[in-house]
Amino acid sequence: MIKFILPTIIIFLIVLFWEKISETIYKKFNIRVNYIILSIALIAVIILFLLIKD
């Protein structure tokens, strides 16, 4: 049961504090987190598509 509840709580907290997390990372590294996540998601979709295709 914990293996379902713990990730749910972690994802909920990330969604809840996303703006603060994004702002903190932008101040430290001067990089927008949204662009990084969008790039990673796009690469993951492309890799999954290529794996399914073969």
N, C-alpha and C. Protein backbone atom coordinates (compact mmCIF):
# COMPACT_ATOMS: atom_id res chain seq x y z
N MET A 1 0.82 -1.19 0.00
CA MET A 1 0.00 0.00 0.00
C MET A 1 0.86 1.26 0.00
N ILE A 2 2.00 1.19 0.70
CA ILE A 2 2.89 2.35 0.77
C ILE A 2 3.46 2.69 -0.60
N LYS A 3 3.68 1.66 -1.42
CA LYS A 3 4.26 1.92 -2.74
C LYS A 3 3.31 2.70 -3.64
N PHE A 4 2.03 2.78 -3.31
CA PHE A 4 1.09 3.60 -4.07
C PHE A 4 0.88 4.97 -3.43
N ILE A 5 0.89 5.01 -2.11
CA ILE A 5 0.61 6.26 -1.40
C ILE A 5 1.79 7.22 -1.45
N LEU A 6 3.00 6.73 -1.24
CA LEU A 6 4.18 7.59 -1.18
C LEU A 6 4.43 8.33 -2.50
N PRO A 7 4.44 7.67 -3.66
CA PRO A 7 4.62 8.42 -4.91
C PRO A 7 3.49 9.43 -5.16
N THR A 8 2.29 9.07 -4.75
CA THR A 8 1.16 9.99 -4.92
C THR A 8 1.36 11.26 -4.10
N ILE A 9 1.81 11.10 -2.88
CA ILE A 9 2.06 12.26 -2.02
C ILE A 9 3.21 13.09 -2.59
N ILE A 10 4.26 12.46 -3.07
CA ILE A 10 5.40 13.19 -3.64
C ILE A 10 4.97 13.97 -4.87
N ILE A 11 4.22 13.35 -5.76
CA ILE A 11 3.75 14.04 -6.96
C ILE A 11 2.82 15.19 -6.60
N PHE A 12 1.97 14.98 -5.61
CA PHE A 12 1.06 16.04 -5.16
C PHE A 12 1.84 17.24 -4.62
N LEU A 13 2.88 16.98 -3.83
CA LEU A 13 3.68 18.08 -3.29
C LEU A 13 4.46 18.81 -4.39
N ILE A 14 4.95 18.08 -5.38
CA ILE A 14 5.64 18.72 -6.50
C ILE A 14 4.69 19.62 -7.26
N VAL A 15 3.50 19.14 -7.52
CA VAL A 15 2.50 19.95 -8.23
C VAL A 15 2.10 21.16 -7.39
N LEU A 16 1.96 20.96 -6.11
CA LEU A 16 1.53 22.04 -5.22
C LEU A 16 2.57 23.16 -5.13
N PHE A 17 3.86 22.79 -5.05
CA PHE A 17 4.93 23.77 -4.89
C PHE A 17 5.73 23.98 -6.17
N TRP A 18 5.16 23.68 -7.33
CA TRP A 18 5.89 23.76 -8.58
C TRP A 18 6.44 25.15 -8.85
N GLU A 19 5.66 26.18 -8.60
CA GLU A 19 6.09 27.55 -8.89
C GLU A 19 7.30 27.92 -8.04
N LYS A 20 7.28 27.56 -6.79
CA LYS A 20 8.40 27.86 -5.89
C LYS A 20 9.65 27.08 -6.30
N ILE A 21 9.49 25.82 -6.66
CA ILE A 21 10.62 24.99 -7.10
C ILE A 21 11.22 25.57 -8.37
N SER A 22 10.38 25.92 -9.31
CA SER A 22 10.84 26.46 -10.57
C SER A 22 11.57 27.78 -10.37
N GLU A 23 11.04 28.63 -9.53
CA GLU A 23 11.66 29.92 -9.26
C GLU A 23 13.02 29.76 -8.58
N THR A 24 13.13 28.84 -7.64
CA THR A 24 14.39 28.60 -6.95
C THR A 24 15.46 28.09 -7.90
N ILE A 25 15.11 27.16 -8.76
CA ILE A 25 16.08 26.62 -9.72
C ILE A 25 16.48 27.69 -10.73
N TYR A 26 15.53 28.54 -11.13
CA TYR A 26 15.86 29.62 -12.07
C TYR A 26 16.83 30.61 -11.44
N LYS A 27 16.65 30.92 -10.17
CA LYS A 27 17.56 31.85 -9.50
C LYS A 27 18.96 31.27 -9.35
N LYS A 28 19.06 29.97 -9.06
CA LYS A 28 20.36 29.34 -8.84
C LYS A 28 21.11 29.09 -10.15
N PHE A 29 20.43 28.54 -11.15
CA PHE A 29 21.11 28.09 -12.36
C PHE A 29 20.78 28.91 -13.59
N ASN A 30 19.83 29.84 -13.49
CA ASN A 30 19.40 30.68 -14.60
C ASN A 30 18.90 29.85 -15.79
N ILE A 31 18.19 28.76 -15.46
CA ILE A 31 17.62 27.88 -16.48
C ILE A 31 16.15 27.65 -16.12
N ARG A 32 15.30 27.75 -17.11
CA ARG A 32 13.88 27.48 -16.88
C ARG A 32 13.65 25.98 -16.80
N VAL A 33 13.02 25.54 -15.74
CA VAL A 33 12.78 24.12 -15.52
C VAL A 33 11.77 23.59 -16.53
N ASN A 34 10.83 24.42 -16.94
CA ASN A 34 9.81 23.97 -17.88
C ASN A 34 10.43 23.50 -19.20
N TYR A 35 11.47 24.20 -19.66
CA TYR A 35 12.14 23.81 -20.90
C TYR A 35 12.86 22.48 -20.74
N ILE A 36 13.47 22.27 -19.58
CA ILE A 36 14.18 21.01 -19.34
C ILE A 36 13.20 19.85 -19.32
N ILE A 37 12.10 20.01 -18.60
CA ILE A 37 11.11 18.93 -18.51
C ILE A 37 10.46 18.67 -19.86
N LEU A 38 10.18 19.72 -20.60
CA LEU A 38 9.61 19.55 -21.94
C LEU A 38 10.58 18.80 -22.84
N SER A 39 11.86 19.12 -22.78
CA SER A 39 12.86 18.43 -23.58
C SER A 39 12.97 16.96 -23.21
N ILE A 40 12.99 16.68 -21.91
CA ILE A 40 13.09 15.29 -21.45
C ILE A 40 11.85 14.49 -21.87
N ALA A 41 10.69 15.10 -21.75
CA ALA A 41 9.46 14.41 -22.13
C ALA A 41 9.44 14.13 -23.64
N LEU A 42 9.87 15.09 -24.42
CA LEU A 42 9.90 14.91 -25.87
C LEU A 42 10.88 13.81 -26.27
N ILE A 43 12.04 13.80 -25.65
CA ILE A 43 13.03 12.75 -25.93
C ILE A 43 12.49 11.38 -25.52
N ALA A 44 11.81 11.30 -24.38
CA ALA A 44 11.25 10.03 -23.93
C ALA A 44 10.18 9.53 -24.89
N VAL A 45 9.35 10.42 -25.40
CA VAL A 45 8.31 10.02 -26.36
C VAL A 45 8.94 9.52 -27.65
N ILE A 46 9.99 10.20 -28.11
CA ILE A 46 10.67 9.79 -29.34
C ILE A 46 11.32 8.41 -29.15
N ILE A 47 11.97 8.20 -28.00
CA ILE A 47 12.59 6.90 -27.75
C ILE A 47 11.54 5.80 -27.67
N LEU A 48 10.43 6.05 -26.99
CA LEU A 48 9.36 5.05 -26.92
C LEU A 48 8.80 4.74 -28.30
N PHE A 49 8.61 5.77 -29.12
CA PHE A 49 8.11 5.56 -30.46
C PHE A 49 9.07 4.70 -31.28
N LEU A 50 10.37 4.99 -31.15
CA LEU A 50 11.35 4.20 -31.90
C LEU A 50 11.41 2.76 -31.40
N LEU A 51 11.24 2.54 -30.10
CA LEU A 51 11.27 1.18 -29.58
C LEU A 51 10.02 0.39 -29.99
N ILE A 52 8.89 1.05 -30.05
CA ILE A 52 7.66 0.39 -30.46
C ILE A 52 7.68 0.08 -31.95
N LYS A 53 8.26 0.99 -32.72
CA LYS A 53 8.28 0.84 -34.16
C LYS A 53 9.07 -0.41 -34.60
N ASP A 54 10.16 -0.72 -33.91
CA ASP A 54 10.99 -1.86 -34.32
C ASP A 54 10.47 -3.16 -33.80
